[in-house]
Structure formats: C-alpha cells, structure tokens
Protein backbone atom coordinates (compact mmCIF):
# COMPACT_ATOMS: atom_id res chain seq x y z
CA MET A 1 -30.31 -0.67 -7.71
CA LYS A 2 -27.69 0.95 -9.94
CA ALA A 3 -24.75 -0.95 -11.38
CA ILE A 4 -21.30 0.30 -12.40
CA LYS A 5 -19.22 -1.47 -15.03
CA ASP A 6 -15.83 -2.50 -13.63
CA SER A 7 -12.82 -3.83 -15.54
CA VAL A 8 -12.28 -6.65 -13.02
CA HIS A 9 -15.65 -7.57 -11.52
CA ASP A 10 -17.88 -6.71 -14.51
CA HIS A 11 -21.10 -5.06 -13.26
CA VAL A 12 -20.99 -3.97 -9.62
CA PRO A 13 -24.43 -3.42 -8.04
CA VAL A 14 -24.42 -0.19 -6.03
CA CYS A 15 -26.84 0.33 -3.14
CA ASP A 16 -28.26 3.76 -2.26
CA LEU A 17 -25.70 4.28 0.51
CA ALA A 18 -22.79 3.53 -1.81
CA ALA A 19 -24.23 5.76 -4.53
CA ASP A 20 -24.45 8.67 -2.08
CA LEU A 21 -20.92 8.06 -0.74
CA LEU A 22 -19.49 7.85 -4.26
CA ASP A 23 -20.79 11.36 -4.97
CA THR A 24 -18.85 12.94 -2.06
CA PRO A 25 -15.74 15.03 -2.80
CA GLU A 26 -13.72 12.79 -0.46
CA LEU A 27 -14.35 9.68 -2.57
CA GLN A 28 -14.19 11.53 -5.89
CA ARG A 29 -10.67 12.67 -4.90
CA LEU A 30 -9.60 9.01 -5.17
CA ARG A 31 -10.19 9.18 -8.94
CA HIS A 32 -7.04 11.30 -9.03
CA ILE A 33 -4.78 9.05 -6.94
CA LYS A 34 -3.22 6.16 -8.83
CA GLN A 35 -3.48 2.81 -7.10
CA LEU A 36 0.10 1.81 -7.94
CA SER A 37 1.77 5.19 -7.60
CA THR A 38 5.28 5.05 -9.11
CA VAL A 39 4.83 1.47 -10.37
CA ARG A 40 3.25 3.02 -13.46
CA LEU A 41 6.72 4.25 -14.42
CA VAL A 42 7.54 0.55 -14.94
CA TYR A 43 4.22 -0.80 -16.23
CA PRO A 44 2.65 1.85 -18.51
CA SER A 45 -0.87 0.42 -18.31
CA ALA A 46 -0.96 0.53 -14.48
CA ASN A 47 -3.02 3.72 -14.42
CA HIS A 48 -5.94 2.45 -12.38
CA THR A 49 -7.03 4.53 -9.41
CA ARG A 50 -7.91 4.08 -5.78
CA PHE A 51 -11.47 5.02 -6.70
CA GLU A 52 -12.03 1.92 -8.82
CA HIS A 53 -10.17 -0.23 -6.29
CA SER A 54 -12.48 1.07 -3.55
CA LEU A 55 -15.48 0.14 -5.66
CA GLY A 56 -14.04 -3.37 -6.09
CA VAL A 57 -13.48 -3.76 -2.35
CA TYR A 58 -17.07 -2.64 -1.73
CA HIS A 59 -18.27 -5.29 -4.21
CA LEU A 60 -16.31 -8.10 -2.53
CA ALA A 61 -17.42 -6.95 0.93
CA ARG A 62 -21.03 -7.09 -0.22
CA LYS A 63 -20.50 -10.67 -1.42
CA ALA A 64 -18.67 -11.66 1.77
CA CYS A 65 -21.47 -10.35 3.98
CA SER A 66 -24.03 -12.28 1.96
CA LEU A 67 -22.06 -15.53 2.19
CA LEU A 68 -21.43 -15.09 5.92
CA GLY A 69 -25.04 -14.26 6.70
CA VAL A 70 -24.24 -10.71 7.81
CA GLU A 71 -27.38 -8.66 7.21
CA GLY A 72 -29.11 -5.37 7.86
CA GLU A 73 -27.31 -2.46 9.47
CA ARG A 74 -24.20 -4.54 10.18
CA ALA A 75 -23.80 -5.40 6.50
CA LEU A 76 -24.45 -1.79 5.53
CA ALA A 77 -21.68 -0.62 7.88
CA VAL A 78 -19.22 -3.17 6.42
CA ARG A 79 -20.05 -2.07 2.88
CA ALA A 80 -19.56 1.57 3.84
CA ALA A 81 -16.20 0.81 5.50
CA ALA A 82 -15.05 -1.15 2.45
CA LEU A 83 -15.90 1.72 0.13
CA LEU A 84 -14.23 4.26 2.43
CA HIS A 85 -11.17 2.20 3.40
CA ASP A 86 -8.76 4.26 1.24
CA VAL A 87 -10.26 7.69 1.79
CA GLY A 88 -7.45 8.54 4.22
CA HIS A 89 -4.68 8.03 1.67
CA GLY A 90 -2.57 11.00 0.66
CA PRO A 91 -1.24 11.75 -2.84
CA TYR A 92 0.67 8.88 -4.43
CA GLY A 93 -0.78 6.56 -1.78
CA HIS A 94 1.82 4.64 0.19
CA GLN A 95 4.69 6.74 -1.20
CA THR A 96 3.70 9.71 1.01
CA GLU A 97 2.29 7.67 3.88
CA GLY A 98 5.44 8.02 6.00
CA ILE A 99 5.43 11.81 5.65
CA ILE A 100 1.79 12.04 6.72
CA GLU A 101 2.30 9.70 9.68
CA ARG A 102 5.26 11.74 10.94
CA ARG A 103 3.61 15.14 10.43
CA LEU A 104 0.06 14.35 11.52
CA GLY A 105 0.54 11.27 13.70
CA ARG A 106 -2.01 9.13 11.91
CA HIS A 107 -2.04 6.14 9.59
CA HIS A 108 -4.09 6.20 6.39
CA ASP A 109 -6.72 3.86 7.87
CA GLU A 110 -7.29 6.14 10.87
CA VAL A 111 -10.24 8.00 9.37
CA ALA A 112 -12.32 8.95 12.41
CA ASP A 113 -11.69 12.67 11.82
CA LEU A 114 -12.61 12.41 8.14
CA LEU A 115 -15.83 10.55 8.88
CA GLY A 116 -16.72 12.47 12.03
CA SER A 117 -18.07 15.59 10.35
CA GLY A 118 -18.90 17.06 6.98
CA ARG A 119 -20.37 15.40 3.92
CA LEU A 120 -19.30 11.83 4.72
CA ALA A 121 -20.77 12.01 8.21
CA ASP A 122 -24.01 13.43 6.80
CA VAL A 123 -24.37 10.58 4.31
CA LEU A 124 -23.60 7.88 6.87
CA GLU A 125 -25.99 9.30 9.46
CA ARG A 126 -28.72 9.78 6.88
CA HIS A 127 -28.53 6.05 6.21
CA GLY A 128 -28.70 5.22 9.91
CA LEU A 129 -25.01 4.50 10.46
CA ASP A 130 -22.67 5.69 13.20
CA PRO A 131 -19.56 7.28 11.58
CA ALA A 132 -17.43 6.17 14.55
CA GLU A 133 -18.48 2.55 14.03
CA VAL A 134 -17.64 2.72 10.33
CA ALA A 135 -14.25 4.27 11.13
CA ALA A 136 -13.54 1.42 13.55
CA LEU A 137 -14.31 -1.11 10.81
CA VAL A 138 -11.91 0.68 8.44
CA GLU A 139 -9.19 0.21 11.06
CA GLY A 140 -10.00 -3.51 11.22
CA ARG A 141 -11.44 -3.41 14.73
CA GLY A 142 -14.03 -5.88 15.91
CA ARG A 143 -15.31 -9.12 14.48
CA LEU A 144 -16.46 -7.67 11.15
CA GLY A 145 -13.51 -5.30 10.86
CA GLN A 146 -11.40 -8.30 9.85
CA LEU A 147 -13.25 -8.34 6.53
CA VAL A 148 -12.03 -4.82 5.74
CA ALA A 149 -8.53 -4.86 7.24
CA GLY A 150 -7.08 -8.22 8.25
CA GLU A 151 -5.23 -11.26 7.02
CA LEU A 152 -8.21 -12.37 4.92
CA ASP A 153 -9.58 -8.97 3.99
CA VAL A 154 -11.39 -8.08 0.79
CA ASP A 155 -8.93 -5.24 0.21
CA ARG A 156 -6.15 -7.72 -0.60
CA MET A 157 -8.50 -9.88 -2.66
CA ASP A 158 -9.26 -6.94 -4.93
CA TYR A 159 -5.88 -5.28 -5.29
CA LEU A 160 -3.98 -8.46 -6.17
CA VAL A 161 -6.34 -9.26 -9.04
CA ARG A 162 -6.73 -5.62 -10.11
CA ASP A 163 -3.02 -4.83 -10.04
CA ALA A 164 -2.20 -7.97 -12.03
CA HIS A 165 -4.90 -7.09 -14.56
CA HIS A 166 -3.64 -3.55 -15.13
CA THR A 167 0.07 -4.33 -15.14
CA GLY A 168 -0.48 -7.28 -17.45
CA VAL A 169 1.43 -9.75 -15.29
CA PRO A 170 -0.08 -13.18 -14.52
CA TYR A 171 1.21 -13.47 -10.97
CA GLY A 172 -1.53 -11.81 -8.90
CA THR A 173 -4.36 -13.99 -10.13
CA ILE A 174 -6.21 -15.52 -7.18
CA ASP A 175 -9.50 -17.36 -6.85
CA HIS A 176 -11.32 -14.70 -4.86
CA SER A 177 -14.66 -16.47 -5.38
CA ARG A 178 -13.26 -19.54 -3.60
CA LEU A 179 -11.73 -17.36 -0.90
CA LEU A 180 -15.02 -15.63 -0.23
CA ALA A 181 -16.92 -18.93 -0.14
CA ALA A 182 -14.38 -20.40 2.31
CA LEU A 183 -14.60 -17.58 4.87
CA GLN A 184 -16.12 -18.38 8.23
CA PHE A 185 -15.95 -17.15 11.81
CA ARG A 186 -14.52 -19.33 14.57
CA ASP A 187 -14.68 -17.75 18.04
CA ASP A 188 -14.93 -14.33 16.38
CA ASP A 189 -11.79 -14.97 14.29
CA LEU A 190 -12.12 -14.89 10.50
CA VAL A 191 -10.67 -18.12 9.11
CA LEU A 192 -10.75 -20.30 6.01
CA SER A 193 -12.89 -23.41 6.27
CA GLY A 194 -11.48 -26.95 6.06
CA GLY A 195 -9.86 -28.06 2.84
CA ASN A 196 -8.54 -24.60 1.96
CA VAL A 197 -4.83 -24.73 2.78
CA GLN A 198 -4.16 -24.61 -0.95
CA THR A 199 -6.51 -21.66 -1.34
CA ALA A 200 -4.49 -19.74 1.24
CA GLU A 201 -1.23 -20.86 -0.37
CA GLY A 202 -2.39 -19.52 -3.72
CA THR A 203 -2.94 -16.08 -2.23
CA LEU A 204 0.44 -16.20 -0.49
CA VAL A 205 2.26 -17.16 -3.68
CA ALA A 206 0.43 -14.45 -5.64
CA ARG A 207 1.44 -11.81 -3.10
CA ALA A 208 5.07 -13.00 -3.05
CA LEU A 209 5.33 -12.91 -6.85
CA MET A 210 3.66 -9.50 -7.08
CA ASN A 211 6.08 -8.16 -4.47
CA ALA A 212 9.06 -9.34 -6.47
CA THR A 213 7.91 -8.25 -9.92
CA VAL A 214 5.60 -5.28 -9.32
CA TYR A 215 5.40 -3.72 -5.87
CA ARG A 216 9.14 -3.72 -5.14
CA HIS A 217 10.50 -3.21 -8.63
CA HIS A 218 13.70 -1.20 -8.35
CA VAL A 219 12.53 1.61 -10.66
CA SER A 220 9.41 2.14 -8.56
CA ARG A 221 11.49 2.08 -5.39
CA ILE A 222 13.86 4.71 -6.77
CA ALA A 223 11.01 6.98 -7.89
CA GLY A 224 9.23 6.46 -4.57
CA ALA A 225 12.31 7.42 -2.58
CA MET A 226 12.77 10.53 -4.73
CA LEU A 227 9.13 11.48 -4.25
CA GLU A 228 9.21 11.02 -0.47
CA ARG A 229 12.34 13.14 -0.02
CA ALA A 230 10.90 15.83 -2.31
CA GLY A 231 7.65 15.85 -0.31
CA GLU A 232 9.58 16.38 2.92
CA ARG A 233 11.56 19.26 1.38
CA LEU A 234 8.35 20.83 0.08
CA LEU A 235 6.82 20.94 3.55
CA ASP A 236 10.07 22.24 5.07
CA ALA A 237 10.56 24.95 2.43
CA THR A 238 7.00 26.30 2.17
CA ASP A 239 4.05 27.20 4.36
CA LEU A 240 2.03 24.30 2.97
CA ALA A 241 0.13 22.73 5.87
CA ALA A 242 0.59 19.01 6.44
CA GLU A 243 -3.20 18.58 6.51
CA GLU A 244 -3.51 20.19 3.09
CA PHE A 245 -0.63 18.04 1.81
CA ALA A 246 -2.45 14.92 3.00
CA ARG A 247 -5.60 15.83 1.04
CA MET A 248 -3.80 16.56 -2.25
CA THR A 249 -4.15 14.48 -5.41
CA ASP A 250 -1.22 13.14 -7.44
CA ASP A 251 -1.32 15.98 -9.97
CA ARG A 252 -1.64 18.69 -7.33
CA LEU A 253 1.40 17.39 -5.45
CA LEU A 254 3.49 17.23 -8.63
CA ALA A 255 2.45 20.81 -9.46
CA ALA A 256 3.40 21.98 -5.95
CA LEU A 257 6.79 20.27 -6.26
CA ARG A 258 7.30 21.91 -9.65
CA ASP A 259 6.50 25.38 -8.25
CA CYS A 260 8.87 25.12 -5.27
CA GLU A 261 12.51 26.01 -5.94
CA ALA A 262 13.75 23.39 -3.48
CA THR A 263 11.88 20.58 -5.25
CA ALA A 264 11.61 21.73 -8.87
CA GLU A 265 14.45 19.50 -10.06
CA ALA A 266 12.96 16.45 -8.37
CA ALA A 267 9.60 17.25 -9.98
CA ARG A 268 11.23 17.50 -13.40
CA ARG A 269 12.96 14.16 -12.93
CA LEU A 270 9.77 12.44 -11.81
CA GLU A 271 7.68 13.98 -14.57
CA HIS A 272 10.15 13.01 -17.31
CA ARG A 273 11.20 9.69 -15.75
CA ASP A 274 14.77 10.97 -15.51
CA LEU A 275 15.36 9.01 -12.34
CA TYR A 276 18.37 8.37 -10.14
CA LYS A 277 20.22 5.11 -10.76
CA ARG A 278 21.40 2.34 -8.46
CA ALA A 279 24.83 3.01 -6.98
CA VAL A 280 24.36 0.05 -4.61
CA TRP A 281 21.95 -2.89 -4.78
CA ALA A 282 23.07 -5.08 -1.90
CA LYS A 283 21.80 -8.46 -0.73
CA LEU A 284 20.64 -9.00 2.83
CA ASP A 285 23.72 -10.94 3.96
CA ALA A 286 25.99 -8.14 2.74
CA VAL A 287 24.31 -5.47 4.89
CA PRO A 288 25.00 -4.96 8.63
CA PRO A 289 21.92 -5.62 10.81
CA GLU A 290 21.89 -2.05 12.12
CA VAL A 291 21.53 -0.79 8.54
CA VAL A 292 18.79 -3.29 7.73
CA THR A 293 16.70 -2.14 10.69
CA ALA A 294 17.66 1.57 10.55
CA ASP A 295 14.84 4.03 11.29
CA ARG A 296 14.18 7.19 9.31
CA GLU A 297 16.58 9.38 11.26
CA ALA A 298 19.40 6.86 10.92
CA VAL A 299 18.76 6.54 7.18
CA ARG A 300 18.88 10.32 6.73
CA SER A 301 22.14 10.37 8.68
CA PHE A 302 23.55 7.68 6.38
CA GLU A 303 22.56 9.78 3.37
CA ARG A 304 24.33 12.87 4.69
CA ASP A 305 27.47 10.90 5.54
CA VAL A 306 27.58 9.16 2.16
CA ALA A 307 27.08 12.47 0.36
CA SER A 308 29.83 14.11 2.40
CA VAL A 309 32.33 11.32 1.69
CA ALA A 310 31.36 11.24 -2.00
CA GLY A 311 31.63 15.02 -2.33
CA VAL A 312 28.10 15.48 -3.69
CA ALA A 313 25.07 17.49 -2.58
CA PRO A 314 23.06 15.92 0.29
CA GLU A 315 19.96 15.56 -1.90
CA ALA A 316 21.98 13.57 -4.45
CA VAL A 317 22.08 10.45 -2.25
CA LEU A 318 19.11 8.29 -1.31
CA VAL A 319 19.43 5.28 0.99
CA ASP A 320 16.52 2.85 0.73
CA THR A 321 16.25 -0.02 3.19
CA PRO A 322 13.02 -2.07 3.20
CA GLY A 323 13.51 -3.23 6.80
CA GLU A 324 13.60 -6.83 7.88
CA PRO A 325 11.93 -9.28 5.47
CA SER A 326 8.44 -10.20 6.59
CA MET A 327 5.44 -12.12 5.32
CA PRO A 328 2.49 -11.40 7.63
CA GLU A 329 0.11 -13.40 5.43
CA THR A 330 1.68 -16.61 6.75
CA SER A 331 -0.35 -16.17 9.96
CA THR A 332 -3.59 -16.65 8.02
CA ARG A 333 -5.78 -19.09 9.96
CA VAL A 334 -7.13 -22.21 8.26
CA VAL A 335 -9.30 -25.01 9.62
CA VAL A 336 -7.43 -28.34 9.45
CA ASP A 337 -8.93 -31.51 10.92
CA GLY A 338 -11.49 -29.40 12.73
CA GLU A 339 -8.89 -27.15 14.41
CA VAL A 340 -7.89 -23.59 13.55
CA ARG A 341 -4.22 -23.48 12.63
CA ARG A 342 -1.78 -20.95 11.22
CA LEU A 343 -0.90 -21.39 7.57
CA ALA A 344 2.79 -21.24 8.49
CA ASP A 345 2.33 -24.40 10.58
CA GLU A 346 0.53 -26.33 7.85
CA SER A 347 2.10 -25.33 4.55
CA PRO A 348 5.53 -26.50 3.38
CA LEU A 349 5.46 -23.63 0.88
CA VAL A 350 5.78 -21.00 3.59
CA GLU A 351 9.41 -21.64 4.44
CA GLY A 352 10.36 -21.64 0.77
CA LEU A 353 8.59 -18.33 0.19
CA ARG A 354 10.26 -16.83 3.24
CA ALA A 355 13.63 -17.93 1.88
CA ALA A 356 12.75 -16.45 -1.51
CA GLY A 357 11.83 -13.16 0.16
CA ARG A 358 15.16 -13.01 1.93
CA ALA A 359 17.01 -13.85 -1.29
CA GLN A 360 15.16 -11.09 -3.17
CA TRP A 361 15.72 -8.47 -0.46
CA ARG A 362 17.91 -5.54 -1.53
CA LEU A 363 19.32 -2.40 0.07
CA GLY A 364 19.35 0.40 -2.46
CA VAL A 365 21.54 3.49 -2.62
CA TYR A 366 20.54 5.82 -5.46
CA ALA A 367 22.18 8.82 -7.04
CA PRO A 368 22.33 10.80 -10.32
CA GLU A 369 24.05 8.77 -13.02
CA GLU A 370 27.08 11.05 -13.19
CA SER A 371 27.80 10.52 -9.46
CA LEU A 372 27.45 6.74 -9.29
CA PRO A 373 31.13 5.73 -8.87
CA GLU A 374 31.76 8.20 -6.05
CA VAL A 375 28.51 7.37 -4.27
CA GLU A 376 29.07 3.63 -4.59
CA ALA A 377 32.52 3.83 -2.98
CA ALA A 378 31.30 6.17 -0.25
CA ALA A 379 28.24 3.99 0.53
CA GLU A 380 30.36 0.86 0.88
CA ARG A 381 32.59 2.68 3.34
CA VAL A 382 29.89 4.46 5.37
CA LEU A 383 27.43 1.56 5.51
CA GLY A 384 30.03 -1.14 6.07
CA LEU A 385 28.86 -3.29 3.18
CA ALA A 386 30.48 -6.66 2.51
CA ASP A 387 31.36 -7.87 -0.96
CA ARG A 388 28.19 -8.04 -2.99
C-alpha cells in the first residue's frame, strides 16, 4: 500500500482505489482550488488546497470505518465518498457556490452526474462499487453517509485542524483521535459515546472561534462578495456556459474575469488586493429583520437603491448579509446516562456560544474607498439602519 506525506496527518496510507481516483482529472483539478478561497488574502500561509483536504478526509474516514467495524465493500464506498466529497466544488469553493446553485440547480455535494459516467465511474466500477451509492454517501444519505456529511462528519474534523494549521491560528485545534474513538451508531444515528460532552464542546468552541477569526473575517467577506458579483457579471456578459464555469479552477476563473471587459476591474482589484472597504458594519440589533433575512433578489435590489441614492455606479455597492445567526453543530447527539441527547440540551456552553455568535454578527455594505461617505449615508437611509 502506498503512503502520501501530509502536513497534518503525517503519512496517509492510500489503497488501490484511492490511488486510482487520485489520478483522475476530476480530483487533480482540486489541486488548483484553494481550500480557504479569499481567506488567503488575510492569512498569507493559507494556500492549502481542496486536494490535500480531500486526502485528509479520506484518511479520517478510513480510521472511522476501522473503529466502527465497517468492513469490505461498505468501507471501500465510504473511503471513496470521503475522497470525492469536494469534487463538485467550483472555482474558489464556497465563494461561487451560490452562482452554481442558481445557474445549474445543484449543490456542490450533489455529484451523481459527475460520478455517473466518465473516468470516475470507470474507476469506481472497476473496484466493484456503484457510482450512485457513492454519490448518495457524498450527500450524507443513509447510515454511513453521516460519516461523510453530517454533524459528526470527518470533513469537519479535517478542515478545522487543517485550516488552523495553515492559517497559524490556535483556535481550530480539536482532538480528532478522541472524536473518532467516541463515534458509535445508536438506532442508525451517528452519536458520541458516553462521557464525551466535553469532546463535542471542544469541537463547537473550535468552530465558533474559527468562524470569528478566519472564516468570516471582514476582508475575506469583502473579497468574496466582489468575486461572486464579478462571476455573475461574467456569465451575463459572455457566452461562457455555467457548466464550464463550475468546472474551472481558481486561476482559470481569474483569467476569465481579467479578459472580460465587464469584470476586468474586479479582477484587477482581487489580484492586487485593492479591495472595497466597509461603508457599513452593522450589528444585528441595528438591522431590520427583513434585511437580515433578505434573499438574493432583495439584496441586489438594496444594492441598486443604495447606489442610486449615493450617486455611484451600481457595481460600486455590495450589500452582504450573512442571514440569521445559526449554529447547527449544537444538535450533535451525545450519549448521557445511557440516553442519546442533543448537545444543546446538555452543555451550558451552547447558549454562551450562541450569544457570542449573535454579538459577532455583522451586516456589511462595501464600496470603493473614495465613495464611502456617500454610500454609508445612502445605506443607512435605504436599509433603515439604527444607530450603530
């Protein structure tokens, strides 16, 4: 069995199936998609890719199957799903996910079409696996799908540790060995065994701190909003097919933005980190509920109205609302006194972390630096913001 040296997990043993999948163009493409997208404009060392993350998820899935007694073809299918779980991501990962969902009607973990034919299907079938079954596991369906996409999935176990390692922050460190050892099935639900409330709390705290300091850093949010709007304009202004857009790499998308007149300025700003600035950075209690929960069309309408009132070009205003604060990890199930219970019902930390999430929540309105005063005044008027 081959082994690949990894910066987080040391040597990762690679079975024949994984070795064959790793050689496919679909997985090799992930070498050219950064795991943390625009976060690397904040943390310069955060240049790790979705390829190495996928390898890490495969490694943890292999360990989880061994500890849970999952063997044979079932374990092989889980390992394949873990390795392929990000193959549906577009360029810049989550930053273009909304565009792809709207244009193609599919989420990044809906990979049945990608696995149903071509090289990936050939590899899976050659190793005795049903591509449709592997695709279902990627989506988190079924008993074993929870290992790949669920509240206790190996995806989260890898990216928290890996993202902390590459950004250099201490907050994402979790005891994934303890987490893996504590996994068990109760009535087909994946839960943590007794005595592991603190284990679950550690993961929850790590995720909350990484959200605040890394994933939702304002510079990354600004760059991400600029990138998403530029991607939409690129598709509207050219004959680039949405399917081709979805299969691009980071560098190919930036080149396409650079070559399109409608997006060339945005490409220059992203490439040189000449980003928009914050005209508004409003707390949750200063923002009307209808703005907090606004959908894409409403947000675009806000942007046009703010730009009109401010007297600037429509593309010079970006409204960025994260939606209502949420913390889905609090529904993690843990065995307490022999019964399966939700972490939110057992941990006094949960309410404090929810309060912290609400306190950290911000609505952003971004604009070129020279337009900030006008955009700020217009945004306060259009969005009905209270004193911040």
